Amino acid sequence: MITADPINHHLSALAHALRGPRRTRRSMLDEARAGLLDAAEAHQDAGLSPEQAATRAVRDFGAVGEIAPSFQEELTARQGRLAALLFAVVFPGMLVGWGLLWSTGLVRRDPTAVSELVRVLSRLQDMATVLIAIAAVVLLAATFLRTVPPRPVTRAIGLTGTAGALVCGGISVAMCVAGGRSTTTLLTTNAAAVAAYTASAVVLTVIIWHSVRTLRVARGHHGSHG
């Protein structure tokens, strides 16, 4: 019977050194565990005790400081890819969703009460959303290129999501303020508008959360153990 204590200790240290999507990280660690146990079994068949076999397998596998960077590189690329995919879908999705709300009349207000400033801000909002979505798609494609280092791409994805959420959220707030009384009337007489604004705020918060997480992953692993 192979003792797993040295292996568990090594994998625990490796897990502590890594950042990235939980499912991917767990899968990588499970594969590492299976390889270590196979190696330890082979060493035991060669005549070593279970403890010695496990220790030899860990030593052959490599110190955490040596192997963590390669694991982290894959995790960083995967985190960036997932975040870019989210941004590429959510930003245009919000644009289309708001367009449908206005066009179907679920959210409406008197056109004569809308100032020119609000109209300009609305066009600016649309342009910003499209640009962020395009940037997300370009960066998503970059995550599949092995010639492109994953860390700067993932950092750019995190910054793109953060900037997109702050810009779009800021413009939305500015539109509400510029709308003045028409905004107040809209929010007090139309439940769909309240729900839409609330949903948008939640979505932008989620985007910022994912962006911050992506930036943390792009910074690299926690540390290393010998």
Protein backbone atom coordinates (compact mmCIF):
# COMPACT_ATOMS: atom_id res chain seq x y z
CA MET A 1 0.00 0.00 0.00
CA ILE A 2 1.49 3.35 -1.06
CA THR A 3 1.54 5.98 1.67
CA ALA A 4 0.26 9.25 0.26
CA ASP A 5 1.48 11.59 3.01
CA PRO A 6 4.56 12.98 1.15
CA ILE A 7 2.48 13.22 -2.00
CA ASN A 8 -0.39 14.97 -0.21
CA HIS A 9 2.01 17.43 1.37
CA HIS A 10 3.64 18.18 -1.97
CA LEU A 11 0.32 18.64 -3.77
CA SER A 12 -0.99 20.83 -0.96
CA ALA A 13 2.03 23.09 -1.33
CA LEU A 14 1.55 23.17 -5.10
CA ALA A 15 -2.16 24.02 -4.74
CA HIS A 16 -1.26 26.88 -2.39
CA ALA A 17 1.17 28.25 -4.98
CA LEU A 18 -1.38 28.37 -7.81
CA ARG A 19 -4.14 30.78 -8.77
CA GLY A 20 -6.75 30.25 -11.43
CA PRO A 21 -10.09 28.63 -12.27
CA ARG A 22 -10.96 26.13 -9.55
CA ARG A 23 -12.08 23.37 -11.90
CA THR A 24 -8.97 23.59 -14.05
CA ARG A 25 -6.69 23.76 -11.01
CA ARG A 26 -8.39 20.75 -9.43
CA SER A 27 -8.09 18.77 -12.67
CA MET A 28 -4.38 19.57 -12.95
CA LEU A 29 -3.75 18.56 -9.35
CA ASP A 30 -5.71 15.31 -9.81
CA GLU A 31 -3.56 14.45 -12.83
CA ALA A 32 -0.42 15.25 -10.85
CA ARG A 33 -1.61 13.05 -7.99
CA ALA A 34 -2.29 10.13 -10.33
CA GLY A 35 1.18 10.48 -11.86
CA LEU A 36 2.86 10.65 -8.46
CA LEU A 37 1.01 7.59 -7.18
CA ASP A 38 1.93 5.63 -10.32
CA ALA A 39 5.58 6.65 -9.93
CA ALA A 40 5.55 5.76 -6.23
CA GLU A 41 4.07 2.35 -7.01
CA ALA A 42 6.78 1.72 -9.58
CA HIS A 43 9.47 2.64 -7.04
CA GLN A 44 7.91 0.32 -4.48
CA ASP A 45 7.86 -2.52 -7.00
CA ALA A 46 11.58 -1.86 -7.45
CA GLY A 47 12.16 -2.58 -3.76
CA LEU A 48 11.65 0.69 -1.88
CA SER A 49 9.42 0.97 1.15
CA PRO A 50 6.09 2.80 0.67
CA GLU A 51 7.43 5.92 2.41
CA GLN A 52 10.67 5.88 0.43
CA ALA A 53 8.77 5.25 -2.81
CA ALA A 54 6.45 8.21 -2.25
CA THR A 55 9.36 10.46 -1.28
CA ARG A 56 11.32 9.43 -4.39
CA ALA A 57 8.29 10.08 -6.60
CA VAL A 58 7.91 13.57 -5.14
CA ARG A 59 11.60 14.29 -5.59
CA ASP A 60 11.53 13.13 -9.20
CA PHE A 61 8.40 15.20 -9.85
CA GLY A 62 10.23 18.40 -8.90
CA ALA A 63 10.08 21.07 -6.24
CA VAL A 64 7.06 23.35 -6.21
CA GLY A 65 9.18 26.35 -7.14
CA GLU A 66 10.32 24.50 -10.26
CA ILE A 67 7.01 23.13 -11.49
CA ALA A 68 4.56 25.81 -10.37
CA PRO A 69 5.39 28.31 -13.17
CA SER A 70 4.38 25.88 -15.91
CA PHE A 71 1.16 25.01 -14.08
CA GLN A 72 0.45 28.69 -13.47
CA GLU A 73 0.99 29.57 -17.11
CA GLU A 74 -1.80 27.23 -18.17
CA LEU A 75 -4.08 28.47 -15.39
CA THR A 76 -3.40 32.08 -16.35
CA ALA A 77 -4.28 31.41 -19.98
CA ARG A 78 -7.46 29.61 -18.98
CA GLN A 79 -8.54 32.39 -16.61
CA GLY A 80 -8.00 35.00 -19.30
CA ARG A 81 -9.89 32.93 -21.85
CA LEU A 82 -12.91 32.48 -19.59
CA ALA A 83 -12.99 36.16 -18.64
CA ALA A 84 -12.63 37.33 -22.25
CA LEU A 85 -15.44 35.02 -23.32
CA LEU A 86 -17.64 36.41 -20.56
CA PHE A 87 -16.94 40.00 -21.56
CA ALA A 88 -17.39 39.27 -25.27
CA VAL A 89 -20.87 37.90 -24.55
CA VAL A 90 -22.10 40.13 -21.72
CA PHE A 91 -21.29 43.59 -23.08
CA PRO A 92 -23.07 43.19 -26.43
CA GLY A 93 -25.78 41.22 -24.62
CA MET A 94 -26.50 44.21 -22.42
CA LEU A 95 -26.59 46.49 -25.46
CA VAL A 96 -29.05 44.23 -27.25
CA GLY A 97 -31.12 43.74 -24.10
CA TRP A 98 -31.55 47.46 -23.50
CA GLY A 99 -32.35 47.95 -27.18
CA LEU A 100 -35.14 45.40 -26.94
CA LEU A 101 -36.53 47.00 -23.79
CA TRP A 102 -36.77 50.39 -25.50
CA SER A 103 -38.02 49.06 -28.84
CA THR A 104 -40.75 46.86 -27.32
CA GLY A 105 -41.97 49.63 -25.04
CA LEU A 106 -41.34 47.74 -21.80
CA VAL A 107 -39.18 50.69 -20.82
CA ARG A 108 -40.34 54.02 -22.21
CA ARG A 109 -40.35 57.73 -21.55
CA ASP A 110 -41.50 60.85 -23.33
CA PRO A 111 -39.00 61.57 -26.15
CA THR A 112 -39.52 65.30 -25.71
CA ALA A 113 -38.28 65.02 -22.13
CA VAL A 114 -34.94 63.57 -23.22
CA SER A 115 -32.24 66.23 -23.44
CA GLU A 116 -29.58 66.37 -26.14
CA LEU A 117 -26.95 65.57 -23.52
CA VAL A 118 -28.72 62.30 -22.69
CA ARG A 119 -28.83 61.42 -26.38
CA VAL A 120 -25.11 62.10 -26.75
CA LEU A 121 -24.34 60.03 -23.67
CA SER A 122 -26.50 57.22 -25.03
CA ARG A 123 -24.56 57.14 -28.29
CA LEU A 124 -21.31 57.26 -26.34
CA GLN A 125 -22.53 54.33 -24.25
CA ASP A 126 -23.26 52.29 -27.37
CA MET A 127 -19.85 53.07 -28.86
CA ALA A 128 -18.02 52.18 -25.65
CA THR A 129 -19.91 48.90 -25.34
CA VAL A 130 -19.09 47.90 -28.92
CA LEU A 131 -15.41 48.80 -28.52
CA ILE A 132 -15.13 46.80 -25.29
CA ALA A 133 -16.80 43.81 -26.93
CA ILE A 134 -14.43 43.99 -29.91
CA ALA A 135 -11.43 44.23 -27.60
CA ALA A 136 -12.68 41.20 -25.65
CA VAL A 137 -13.05 39.16 -28.85
CA VAL A 138 -9.53 40.09 -30.02
CA LEU A 139 -8.05 39.22 -26.64
CA LEU A 140 -10.03 35.98 -26.54
CA ALA A 141 -8.46 34.97 -29.84
CA ALA A 142 -5.02 35.86 -28.45
CA THR A 143 -5.45 33.38 -25.59
CA PHE A 144 -5.38 30.54 -28.13
CA LEU A 145 -2.06 31.63 -29.64
CA ARG A 146 0.82 29.71 -28.10
CA THR A 147 3.26 32.35 -29.34
CA VAL A 148 1.62 34.98 -27.13
CA PRO A 149 2.64 34.98 -23.42
CA PRO A 150 -0.50 34.35 -21.34
CA ARG A 151 0.27 36.74 -18.49
CA PRO A 152 0.20 40.08 -20.40
CA VAL A 153 -2.85 38.96 -22.38
CA THR A 154 -4.69 37.97 -19.23
CA ARG A 155 -3.73 41.26 -17.59
CA ALA A 156 -5.07 43.14 -20.62
CA ILE A 157 -8.31 41.18 -20.39
CA GLY A 158 -8.71 42.08 -16.73
CA LEU A 159 -8.05 45.74 -17.45
CA THR A 160 -10.49 45.68 -20.36
CA GLY A 161 -13.27 44.27 -18.20
CA THR A 162 -12.59 46.76 -15.42
CA ALA A 163 -12.47 49.71 -17.79
CA GLY A 164 -15.58 48.56 -19.61
CA ALA A 165 -17.61 48.16 -16.43
CA LEU A 166 -16.48 51.51 -15.00
CA VAL A 167 -16.99 53.42 -18.25
CA CYS A 168 -20.40 51.92 -19.01
CA GLY A 169 -21.52 52.24 -15.40
CA GLY A 170 -20.27 55.81 -15.21
CA ILE A 171 -22.03 56.82 -18.40
CA SER A 172 -25.26 55.20 -17.17
CA VAL A 173 -25.10 57.20 -13.95
CA ALA A 174 -24.38 60.37 -15.92
CA MET A 175 -27.39 59.68 -18.15
CA CYS A 176 -29.64 59.24 -15.12
CA VAL A 177 -28.40 62.48 -13.58
CA ALA A 178 -28.67 64.36 -16.87
CA GLY A 179 -32.19 63.00 -17.34
CA GLY A 180 -33.31 64.78 -14.20
CA ARG A 181 -37.05 64.65 -13.69
CA SER A 182 -37.62 62.30 -16.64
CA THR A 183 -35.38 59.72 -14.98
CA THR A 184 -37.25 60.07 -11.68
CA THR A 185 -40.57 59.66 -13.47
CA LEU A 186 -39.29 56.62 -15.34
CA LEU A 187 -38.08 54.87 -12.20
CA THR A 188 -41.22 55.65 -10.18
CA THR A 189 -43.74 54.63 -12.84
CA ASN A 190 -42.08 51.72 -14.64
CA ALA A 191 -41.21 48.56 -12.71
CA ALA A 192 -39.48 47.09 -15.76
CA ALA A 193 -37.07 50.03 -15.81
CA VAL A 194 -36.18 49.51 -12.15
CA ALA A 195 -35.59 45.80 -12.80
CA ALA A 196 -33.47 46.56 -15.86
CA TYR A 197 -31.30 49.12 -14.07
CA THR A 198 -30.86 46.76 -11.11
CA ALA A 199 -29.93 43.85 -13.36
CA SER A 200 -27.42 46.03 -15.21
CA ALA A 201 -25.82 47.09 -11.93
CA VAL A 202 -25.53 43.45 -10.84
CA VAL A 203 -24.00 42.44 -14.16
CA LEU A 204 -21.43 45.25 -14.03
CA THR A 205 -20.54 44.25 -10.47
CA VAL A 206 -19.98 40.66 -11.59
CA ILE A 207 -17.80 41.90 -14.45
CA ILE A 208 -15.66 43.93 -12.04
CA TRP A 209 -15.36 40.91 -9.73
CA HIS A 210 -14.19 38.70 -12.60
CA SER A 211 -11.83 41.44 -13.79
CA VAL A 212 -10.19 41.79 -10.39
CA ARG A 213 -9.87 38.02 -10.11
CA THR A 214 -8.32 37.88 -13.58
CA LEU A 215 -5.80 40.58 -12.67
CA ARG A 216 -4.86 38.66 -9.52
CA VAL A 217 -4.26 35.50 -11.53
CA ALA A 218 -2.18 37.47 -14.05
CA ARG A 219 0.13 38.55 -11.23
CA GLY A 220 1.22 34.93 -10.81
CA HIS A 221 1.28 32.31 -8.10
CA HIS A 222 1.31 32.87 -4.32
CA GLY A 223 4.81 31.64 -3.76
CA SER A 224 6.84 28.48 -3.80
CA HIS A 225 7.95 25.76 -1.45
CA GLY A 226 11.01 23.64 -1.80
